């Protein structure tokens, strides 16, 4: 599907699963639960929220500030340094090098050493229930 070139934000419904050509000026993309098609992201993308079914390898743009990986995403990633808000789904099973500007982190099924947490981190959620918020690390 070809989208309007001036589109800034795209939010796909739960069942949408057709190939897309993303416009070059897109800043926000939220994929629906069942979306699982390869994508090329524009260099202007700031927010990326993958649906739970998405599981194609990604090349992330350096412009990203918010990244949510879906439940089944399981490909090794190098996170851009500008990411401030990161959510990693349960199936991600690779080493994680956290971005230095990270403020909020949510890990569904991953152990992490406190010494690897960036100094900028203000909010940490591990699993589905445990929440730790402190700057006195």
N, C-alpha and C. Protein backbone atom coordinates (compact mmCIF):
# COMPACT_ATOMS: atom_id res chain seq x y z
N UNK A 1 0.84 -1.17 0.00
CA UNK A 1 0.00 0.00 0.00
C UNK A 1 0.89 1.24 0.00
N UNK A 2 0.60 2.17 -0.88
CA UNK A 2 1.30 3.46 -0.89
C UNK A 2 0.52 4.45 -0.04
N UNK A 3 1.19 5.05 0.90
CA UNK A 3 0.57 5.99 1.83
C UNK A 3 0.84 7.42 1.38
N UNK A 4 0.02 8.37 1.85
CA UNK A 4 0.25 9.78 1.49
C UNK A 4 1.64 10.24 1.93
N UNK A 5 2.35 10.99 1.09
CA UNK A 5 3.73 11.39 1.41
C UNK A 5 3.83 12.32 2.62
N UNK A 6 2.76 13.03 2.98
CA UNK A 6 2.79 13.97 4.11
C UNK A 6 2.39 13.33 5.43
N UNK A 7 2.13 12.03 5.45
CA UNK A 7 1.69 11.33 6.66
C UNK A 7 2.78 11.37 7.73
N UNK A 8 2.41 11.79 8.94
CA UNK A 8 3.36 11.86 10.07
C UNK A 8 3.22 10.68 11.01
N UNK A 9 2.01 10.18 11.18
CA UNK A 9 1.73 9.14 12.16
C UNK A 9 0.85 8.07 11.55
N UNK A 10 1.17 6.80 11.86
CA UNK A 10 0.39 5.68 11.35
C UNK A 10 0.17 4.68 12.47
N UNK A 11 -1.11 4.33 12.70
CA UNK A 11 -1.50 3.38 13.72
C UNK A 11 -2.34 2.31 13.04
N UNK A 12 -1.82 1.09 12.94
CA UNK A 12 -2.52 0.01 12.24
C UNK A 12 -3.41 -0.78 13.19
N UNK A 13 -4.56 -1.21 12.68
CA UNK A 13 -5.50 -2.02 13.47
C UNK A 13 -4.96 -3.41 13.74
N UNK A 14 -5.62 -4.11 14.63
CA UNK A 14 -5.16 -5.40 15.13
C UNK A 14 -4.95 -6.44 14.03
N UNK A 15 -5.78 -6.46 13.00
CA UNK A 15 -5.72 -7.51 11.98
C UNK A 15 -4.98 -7.10 10.71
N UNK A 16 -4.53 -5.87 10.59
CA UNK A 16 -3.89 -5.42 9.35
C UNK A 16 -2.55 -6.14 9.16
N UNK A 17 -2.36 -6.76 7.97
CA UNK A 17 -1.11 -7.46 7.69
C UNK A 17 -0.82 -7.45 6.19
N UNK A 18 -0.76 -6.25 5.61
CA UNK A 18 -0.43 -6.08 4.20
C UNK A 18 0.88 -5.30 4.08
N UNK A 19 1.67 -5.55 3.03
CA UNK A 19 2.93 -4.80 2.86
C UNK A 19 2.67 -3.29 2.79
N UNK A 20 3.64 -2.53 3.30
CA UNK A 20 3.55 -1.06 3.33
C UNK A 20 4.82 -0.43 2.79
N UNK A 21 4.65 0.70 2.10
CA UNK A 21 5.76 1.59 1.76
C UNK A 21 5.60 2.81 2.64
N UNK A 22 6.46 2.94 3.63
CA UNK A 22 6.31 4.04 4.59
C UNK A 22 6.80 5.35 3.99
N UNK A 23 6.04 6.44 4.23
CA UNK A 23 6.47 7.75 3.73
C UNK A 23 7.75 8.23 4.41
N UNK A 24 8.54 9.00 3.70
CA UNK A 24 9.84 9.45 4.19
C UNK A 24 9.78 10.37 5.40
N UNK A 25 8.65 11.04 5.63
CA UNK A 25 8.52 11.97 6.75
C UNK A 25 7.83 11.39 7.97
N UNK A 26 7.53 10.09 7.97
CA UNK A 26 6.81 9.46 9.08
C UNK A 26 7.62 9.58 10.37
N UNK A 27 6.95 9.99 11.47
CA UNK A 27 7.62 10.13 12.76
C UNK A 27 7.13 9.12 13.79
N UNK A 28 5.93 8.57 13.60
CA UNK A 28 5.36 7.64 14.58
C UNK A 28 4.69 6.47 13.86
N UNK A 29 5.01 5.25 14.30
CA UNK A 29 4.44 4.05 13.71
C UNK A 29 4.08 3.06 14.81
N UNK A 30 2.80 2.66 14.83
CA UNK A 30 2.33 1.63 15.75
C UNK A 30 1.71 0.52 14.91
N UNK A 31 2.31 -0.67 14.98
CA UNK A 31 1.83 -1.81 14.20
C UNK A 31 0.80 -2.58 15.01
N UNK A 32 -0.21 -3.11 14.31
CA UNK A 32 -1.23 -3.92 14.97
C UNK A 32 -0.68 -5.27 15.40
N UNK A 33 -1.45 -5.96 16.20
CA UNK A 33 -1.05 -7.24 16.80
C UNK A 33 -0.59 -8.26 15.76
N UNK A 34 -1.26 -8.36 14.63
CA UNK A 34 -0.95 -9.40 13.65
C UNK A 34 -0.02 -8.96 12.52
N UNK A 35 0.43 -7.72 12.53
CA UNK A 35 1.28 -7.25 11.43
C UNK A 35 2.63 -7.96 11.47
N UNK A 36 2.99 -8.59 10.33
CA UNK A 36 4.27 -9.28 10.24
C UNK A 36 4.75 -9.27 8.79
N UNK A 37 5.15 -8.09 8.34
CA UNK A 37 5.69 -7.88 6.99
C UNK A 37 7.00 -7.12 7.15
N UNK A 38 8.00 -7.39 6.28
CA UNK A 38 9.25 -6.62 6.39
C UNK A 38 9.01 -5.14 6.12
N UNK A 39 9.78 -4.30 6.81
CA UNK A 39 9.63 -2.85 6.67
C UNK A 39 10.99 -2.18 6.57
N UNK A 40 11.01 -1.06 5.84
CA UNK A 40 12.16 -0.14 5.82
C UNK A 40 11.69 1.15 6.46
N UNK A 41 12.38 1.57 7.50
CA UNK A 41 11.94 2.73 8.26
C UNK A 41 12.60 4.01 7.75
N UNK A 42 11.83 5.10 7.72
CA UNK A 42 12.42 6.38 7.33
C UNK A 42 13.35 6.90 8.44
N UNK A 43 14.28 7.73 8.06
CA UNK A 43 15.25 8.28 9.02
C UNK A 43 14.61 9.29 9.97
N UNK A 44 13.34 9.64 9.75
CA UNK A 44 12.63 10.60 10.60
C UNK A 44 11.84 9.95 11.72
N UNK A 45 11.81 8.62 11.77
CA UNK A 45 10.97 7.90 12.74
C UNK A 45 11.46 8.14 14.16
N UNK A 46 10.56 8.57 15.05
CA UNK A 46 10.87 8.84 16.45
C UNK A 46 10.28 7.77 17.36
N UNK A 47 9.06 7.31 17.03
CA UNK A 47 8.35 6.32 17.83
C UNK A 47 8.05 5.10 17.00
N UNK A 48 8.44 3.92 17.51
CA UNK A 48 8.13 2.65 16.84
C UNK A 48 7.62 1.67 17.88
N UNK A 49 6.37 1.22 17.67
CA UNK A 49 5.76 0.23 18.54
C UNK A 49 5.36 -0.95 17.67
N UNK A 50 6.06 -2.07 17.85
CA UNK A 50 5.79 -3.27 17.07
C UNK A 50 4.63 -4.04 17.68
N UNK A 51 3.82 -4.64 16.82
CA UNK A 51 2.78 -5.54 17.30
C UNK A 51 3.41 -6.83 17.81
N UNK A 52 2.66 -7.60 18.55
CA UNK A 52 3.20 -8.81 19.16
C UNK A 52 3.67 -9.85 18.15
N UNK A 53 3.10 -9.90 16.96
CA UNK A 53 3.46 -10.90 15.97
C UNK A 53 4.69 -10.53 15.14
N UNK A 54 5.13 -9.29 15.18
CA UNK A 54 6.22 -8.86 14.30
C UNK A 54 7.52 -9.56 14.67
N UNK A 55 8.15 -10.19 13.65
CA UNK A 55 9.41 -10.90 13.92
C UNK A 55 10.29 -10.94 12.68
N UNK A 56 10.51 -9.79 12.05
CA UNK A 56 11.47 -9.66 10.96
C UNK A 56 12.69 -8.91 11.49
N UNK A 57 13.89 -9.22 10.98
CA UNK A 57 15.06 -8.43 11.39
C UNK A 57 14.84 -6.95 11.08
N UNK A 58 15.37 -6.10 11.96
CA UNK A 58 15.19 -4.65 11.82
C UNK A 58 16.53 -3.93 11.72
N UNK A 59 16.52 -2.87 10.94
CA UNK A 59 17.57 -1.87 10.99
C UNK A 59 16.90 -0.62 11.53
N UNK A 60 17.27 -0.24 12.73
CA UNK A 60 16.59 0.87 13.40
C UNK A 60 17.22 2.21 13.03
N UNK A 61 16.37 3.21 12.74
CA UNK A 61 16.93 4.54 12.44
C UNK A 61 17.49 5.19 13.71
N UNK A 62 18.51 6.01 13.54
CA UNK A 62 19.15 6.70 14.67
C UNK A 62 18.24 7.72 15.33
N UNK A 63 17.16 8.10 14.65
CA UNK A 63 16.23 9.10 15.17
C UNK A 63 15.31 8.56 16.25
N UNK A 64 15.24 7.24 16.44
CA UNK A 64 14.28 6.65 17.39
C UNK A 64 14.52 7.12 18.82
N UNK A 65 13.42 7.46 19.50
CA UNK A 65 13.45 7.83 20.90
C UNK A 65 12.63 6.83 21.73
N UNK A 66 11.56 6.30 21.12
CA UNK A 66 10.68 5.34 21.79
C UNK A 66 10.64 4.06 20.96
N UNK A 67 10.93 2.92 21.60
CA UNK A 67 10.89 1.64 20.91
C UNK A 67 10.23 0.59 21.79
N UNK A 68 9.17 -0.02 21.26
CA UNK A 68 8.50 -1.14 21.92
C UNK A 68 8.62 -2.35 21.02
N UNK A 69 9.32 -3.37 21.49
CA UNK A 69 9.41 -4.62 20.75
C UNK A 69 8.26 -5.52 21.17
N UNK A 70 7.59 -6.13 20.21
CA UNK A 70 6.46 -6.99 20.52
C UNK A 70 6.85 -8.27 21.23
N UNK A 71 5.86 -9.00 21.66
CA UNK A 71 6.01 -10.22 22.44
C UNK A 71 6.92 -11.24 21.76
N UNK A 72 6.75 -11.45 20.44
CA UNK A 72 7.49 -12.50 19.74
C UNK A 72 8.74 -12.01 19.02
N UNK A 73 9.12 -10.75 19.15
CA UNK A 73 10.30 -10.28 18.44
C UNK A 73 11.55 -10.93 19.03
N UNK A 74 12.36 -11.56 18.13
CA UNK A 74 13.55 -12.25 18.63
C UNK A 74 14.69 -12.22 17.61
N UNK A 75 15.10 -11.02 17.23
CA UNK A 75 16.28 -10.84 16.37
C UNK A 75 17.23 -9.88 17.08
N UNK A 76 18.51 -10.19 17.02
CA UNK A 76 19.53 -9.33 17.65
C UNK A 76 19.41 -7.90 17.14
N UNK A 77 19.48 -6.94 18.05
CA UNK A 77 19.39 -5.52 17.69
C UNK A 77 20.52 -4.74 18.34
N UNK A 78 20.95 -3.71 17.64
CA UNK A 78 21.79 -2.67 18.22
C UNK A 78 20.88 -1.47 18.40
N UNK A 79 20.67 -1.09 19.64
CA UNK A 79 19.74 -0.01 19.94
C UNK A 79 20.40 1.35 19.69
N UNK A 80 19.72 2.24 18.95
CA UNK A 80 20.26 3.58 18.73
C UNK A 80 20.49 4.32 20.06
N UNK A 81 21.50 5.17 20.10
CA UNK A 81 21.86 5.88 21.33
C UNK A 81 20.80 6.86 21.82
N UNK A 82 19.91 7.31 20.94
CA UNK A 82 18.90 8.31 21.34
C UNK A 82 17.69 7.72 22.03
N UNK A 83 17.58 6.40 22.11
CA UNK A 83 16.39 5.81 22.72
C UNK A 83 16.32 6.16 24.20
N UNK A 84 15.14 6.68 24.60
CA UNK A 84 14.89 7.04 25.99
C UNK A 84 13.86 6.13 26.65
N UNK A 85 13.00 5.51 25.83
CA UNK A 85 11.94 4.64 26.34
C UNK A 85 12.01 3.33 25.57
N UNK A 86 12.26 2.22 26.29
CA UNK A 86 12.46 0.92 25.65
C UNK A 86 11.66 -0.16 26.36
N UNK A 87 10.89 -0.90 25.56
CA UNK A 87 10.14 -2.05 26.07
C UNK A 87 10.57 -3.26 25.25
N UNK A 88 11.01 -4.31 25.94
CA UNK A 88 11.49 -5.52 25.27
C UNK A 88 10.56 -6.67 25.63
N UNK A 89 10.00 -7.31 24.60
CA UNK A 89 9.02 -8.38 24.79
C UNK A 89 9.63 -9.66 25.36
N UNK A 90 8.76 -10.58 25.68
CA UNK A 90 9.14 -11.82 26.37
C UNK A 90 10.04 -12.73 25.56
N UNK A 91 9.91 -12.76 24.24
CA UNK A 91 10.67 -13.71 23.42
C UNK A 91 12.07 -13.25 23.07
N UNK A 92 12.41 -11.98 23.32
CA UNK A 92 13.74 -11.48 22.95
C UNK A 92 14.79 -12.20 23.78
N UNK A 93 15.70 -12.90 23.10
CA UNK A 93 16.65 -13.75 23.79
C UNK A 93 18.08 -13.48 23.30
N UNK A 94 18.50 -12.23 23.40
CA UNK A 94 19.82 -11.82 22.94
C UNK A 94 20.43 -10.89 23.98
N UNK A 95 21.76 -10.78 23.99
CA UNK A 95 22.40 -9.80 24.89
C UNK A 95 21.88 -8.40 24.59
N UNK A 96 21.80 -7.60 25.64
CA UNK A 96 21.28 -6.23 25.49
C UNK A 96 22.34 -5.24 25.93
N UNK A 97 22.67 -4.33 25.04
CA UNK A 97 23.50 -3.19 25.40
C UNK A 97 22.57 -1.98 25.45
N UNK A 98 22.31 -1.51 26.65
CA UNK A 98 21.32 -0.44 26.82
C UNK A 98 21.84 0.90 26.33
N UNK A 99 20.96 1.68 25.69
CA UNK A 99 21.36 3.00 25.22
C UNK A 99 21.71 3.93 26.39
N UNK A 100 22.69 4.80 26.21
CA UNK A 100 23.15 5.64 27.32
C UNK A 100 22.16 6.71 27.78
N UNK A 101 21.17 7.06 26.96
CA UNK A 101 20.19 8.10 27.31
C UNK A 101 18.88 7.52 27.81
N UNK A 102 18.84 6.22 28.07
CA UNK A 102 17.61 5.53 28.44
C UNK A 102 17.04 6.06 29.76
N UNK A 103 15.74 6.36 29.75
CA UNK A 103 15.04 6.86 30.94
C UNK A 103 14.09 5.81 31.49
N UNK A 104 13.35 5.14 30.60
CA UNK A 104 12.35 4.14 30.99
C UNK A 104 12.68 2.81 30.32
N UNK A 105 12.65 1.73 31.12
CA UNK A 105 12.96 0.40 30.60
C UNK A 105 11.96 -0.60 31.15
N UNK A 106 11.40 -1.42 30.25
CA UNK A 106 10.51 -2.50 30.66
C UNK A 106 11.00 -3.78 30.00
N UNK A 107 11.32 -4.78 30.82
CA UNK A 107 11.78 -6.08 30.34
C UNK A 107 10.78 -7.14 30.78
N UNK A 108 10.28 -7.92 29.82
CA UNK A 108 9.27 -8.93 30.15
C UNK A 108 9.88 -10.24 30.65
N UNK A 109 11.02 -10.65 30.14
CA UNK A 109 11.54 -11.97 30.49
C UNK A 109 13.06 -11.97 30.36
N UNK A 110 13.71 -11.06 31.00
CA UNK A 110 15.14 -10.91 30.80
C UNK A 110 15.80 -10.51 32.11
N UNK A 111 16.88 -11.18 32.44
CA UNK A 111 17.67 -10.79 33.60
C UNK A 111 18.65 -9.70 33.17
N UNK A 112 18.92 -8.80 34.08
CA UNK A 112 19.85 -7.72 33.76
C UNK A 112 20.64 -7.38 35.02
N UNK A 113 21.92 -7.14 34.86
CA UNK A 113 22.76 -6.76 36.00
C UNK A 113 22.59 -5.28 36.30
N UNK A 114 22.41 -4.92 37.56
CA UNK A 114 22.28 -3.51 37.91
C UNK A 114 23.44 -2.65 37.41
N UNK A 115 24.63 -3.22 37.34
CA UNK A 115 25.80 -2.46 36.89
C UNK A 115 25.72 -2.08 35.41
N UNK A 116 24.82 -2.71 34.64
CA UNK A 116 24.69 -2.40 33.21
C UNK A 116 23.63 -1.33 32.94
N UNK A 117 22.94 -0.91 33.98
CA UNK A 117 21.89 0.11 33.81
C UNK A 117 22.51 1.49 33.63
N UNK A 118 22.05 2.25 32.64
CA UNK A 118 22.62 3.58 32.44
C UNK A 118 22.25 4.54 33.58
N UNK A 119 23.09 5.50 33.83
CA UNK A 119 22.86 6.48 34.90
C UNK A 119 21.60 7.31 34.67
N UNK A 120 21.18 7.42 33.42
CA UNK A 120 20.01 8.22 33.08
C UNK A 120 18.70 7.54 33.44
N UNK A 121 18.71 6.24 33.76
CA UNK A 121 17.48 5.46 33.98
C UNK A 121 16.72 5.95 35.20
N UNK A 122 15.41 6.23 35.03
CA UNK A 122 14.54 6.66 36.12
C UNK A 122 13.49 5.63 36.46
N UNK A 123 13.09 4.80 35.50
CA UNK A 123 12.01 3.85 35.71
C UNK A 123 12.38 2.50 35.10
N UNK A 124 12.19 1.44 35.92
CA UNK A 124 12.51 0.09 35.49
C UNK A 124 11.37 -0.82 35.87
N UNK A 125 10.87 -1.59 34.91
CA UNK A 125 9.83 -2.59 35.19
C UNK A 125 10.34 -3.92 34.69
N UNK A 126 10.37 -4.90 35.59
CA UNK A 126 10.84 -6.25 35.27
C UNK A 126 9.67 -7.21 35.38
N UNK A 127 9.50 -8.07 34.38
CA UNK A 127 8.38 -9.00 34.40
C UNK A 127 7.07 -8.26 34.27
N UNK A 128 6.02 -8.85 34.78
CA UNK A 128 4.70 -8.21 34.67
C UNK A 128 4.29 -7.44 35.91
N UNK A 129 4.96 -7.67 37.04
CA UNK A 129 4.47 -7.07 38.28
C UNK A 129 5.50 -6.24 39.03
N UNK A 130 6.76 -6.65 39.03
CA UNK A 130 7.75 -5.97 39.84
C UNK A 130 8.14 -4.63 39.22
N UNK A 131 8.04 -3.57 40.00
CA UNK A 131 8.41 -2.25 39.53
C UNK A 131 9.41 -1.65 40.50
N UNK A 132 10.49 -1.11 39.97
CA UNK A 132 11.52 -0.46 40.76
C UNK A 132 11.75 0.92 40.18
N UNK A 133 11.56 1.93 40.98
CA UNK A 133 11.83 3.29 40.52
C UNK A 133 12.69 3.95 41.57
N UNK A 134 13.91 4.28 41.17
CA UNK A 134 14.83 4.91 42.11
C UNK A 134 16.00 5.48 41.35
N UNK A 135 16.58 6.52 41.85
CA UNK A 135 17.78 7.06 41.24
C UNK A 135 18.94 6.91 42.20
N UNK A 136 18.78 6.11 43.25
CA UNK A 136 19.83 5.96 44.25
C UNK A 136 20.66 4.69 44.03
N UNK A 137 20.82 4.27 42.77
CA UNK A 137 21.59 3.05 42.47
C UNK A 137 23.06 3.29 42.70
